[in-house]
């Protein structure tokens, strides 16, 4: 079954696109948080090993 785009006087709305974009933004945000967490853990580990 094909998806139908909703057309209004304002232009075209893309509900599926917006939903997918928002999900992707959440995933990217979570990935960045995990990267920051592990970077902090690595820094803390390196600091304790050099002492």
Protein backbone atom coordinates (compact mmCIF):
# COMPACT_ATOMS: atom_id res chain seq x y z
CA UNK A 1 0.00 0.00 0.00
CA UNK A 2 1.37 3.43 -0.92
CA UNK A 3 1.71 6.29 1.56
CA UNK A 4 -0.21 9.42 0.63
CA UNK A 5 1.20 12.88 1.34
CA UNK A 6 -1.19 15.39 2.84
CA UNK A 7 -1.39 18.62 0.86
CA UNK A 8 -2.62 21.86 2.45
CA UNK A 9 -2.60 25.51 1.47
CA UNK A 10 0.66 25.88 3.46
CA UNK A 11 2.37 23.28 1.32
CA UNK A 12 3.08 19.61 1.81
CA UNK A 13 3.21 17.96 5.22
CA UNK A 14 5.30 14.83 5.65
CA UNK A 15 4.09 13.05 8.80
CA UNK A 16 6.11 9.88 8.17
CA UNK A 17 9.21 11.90 7.37
CA UNK A 18 8.87 13.97 10.54
CA UNK A 19 8.37 10.86 12.67
CA UNK A 20 11.45 9.19 11.17
CA UNK A 21 13.50 12.39 11.55
CA UNK A 22 12.53 12.73 15.21
CA UNK A 23 13.40 9.08 15.89
CA UNK A 24 16.77 9.53 14.19
CA UNK A 25 17.49 12.66 16.23
CA UNK A 26 16.74 10.72 19.43
CA UNK A 27 19.07 7.91 18.35
CA UNK A 28 21.88 10.33 17.49
CA UNK A 29 21.41 12.12 20.82
CA UNK A 30 21.58 8.80 22.70
CA UNK A 31 24.69 7.77 20.74
CA UNK A 32 26.43 11.06 21.60
CA UNK A 33 25.54 10.59 25.27
CA UNK A 34 27.05 7.10 25.26
CA UNK A 35 30.18 8.38 23.53
CA UNK A 36 30.56 11.15 26.12
CA UNK A 37 30.04 8.70 28.97
CA UNK A 38 32.75 6.34 27.72
CA UNK A 39 35.10 9.24 26.96
CA UNK A 40 34.74 10.43 30.58
CA UNK A 41 35.28 6.89 31.86
CA UNK A 42 38.41 6.57 29.71
CA UNK A 43 39.76 9.90 31.01
CA UNK A 44 39.14 8.86 34.61
CA UNK A 45 40.83 5.49 34.04
CA UNK A 46 43.86 7.12 32.41
CA UNK A 47 44.21 9.63 35.24
CA UNK A 48 44.15 6.95 37.91
CA UNK A 49 46.67 4.80 36.02
CA UNK A 50 49.22 7.64 35.68
CA UNK A 51 49.27 8.34 39.43
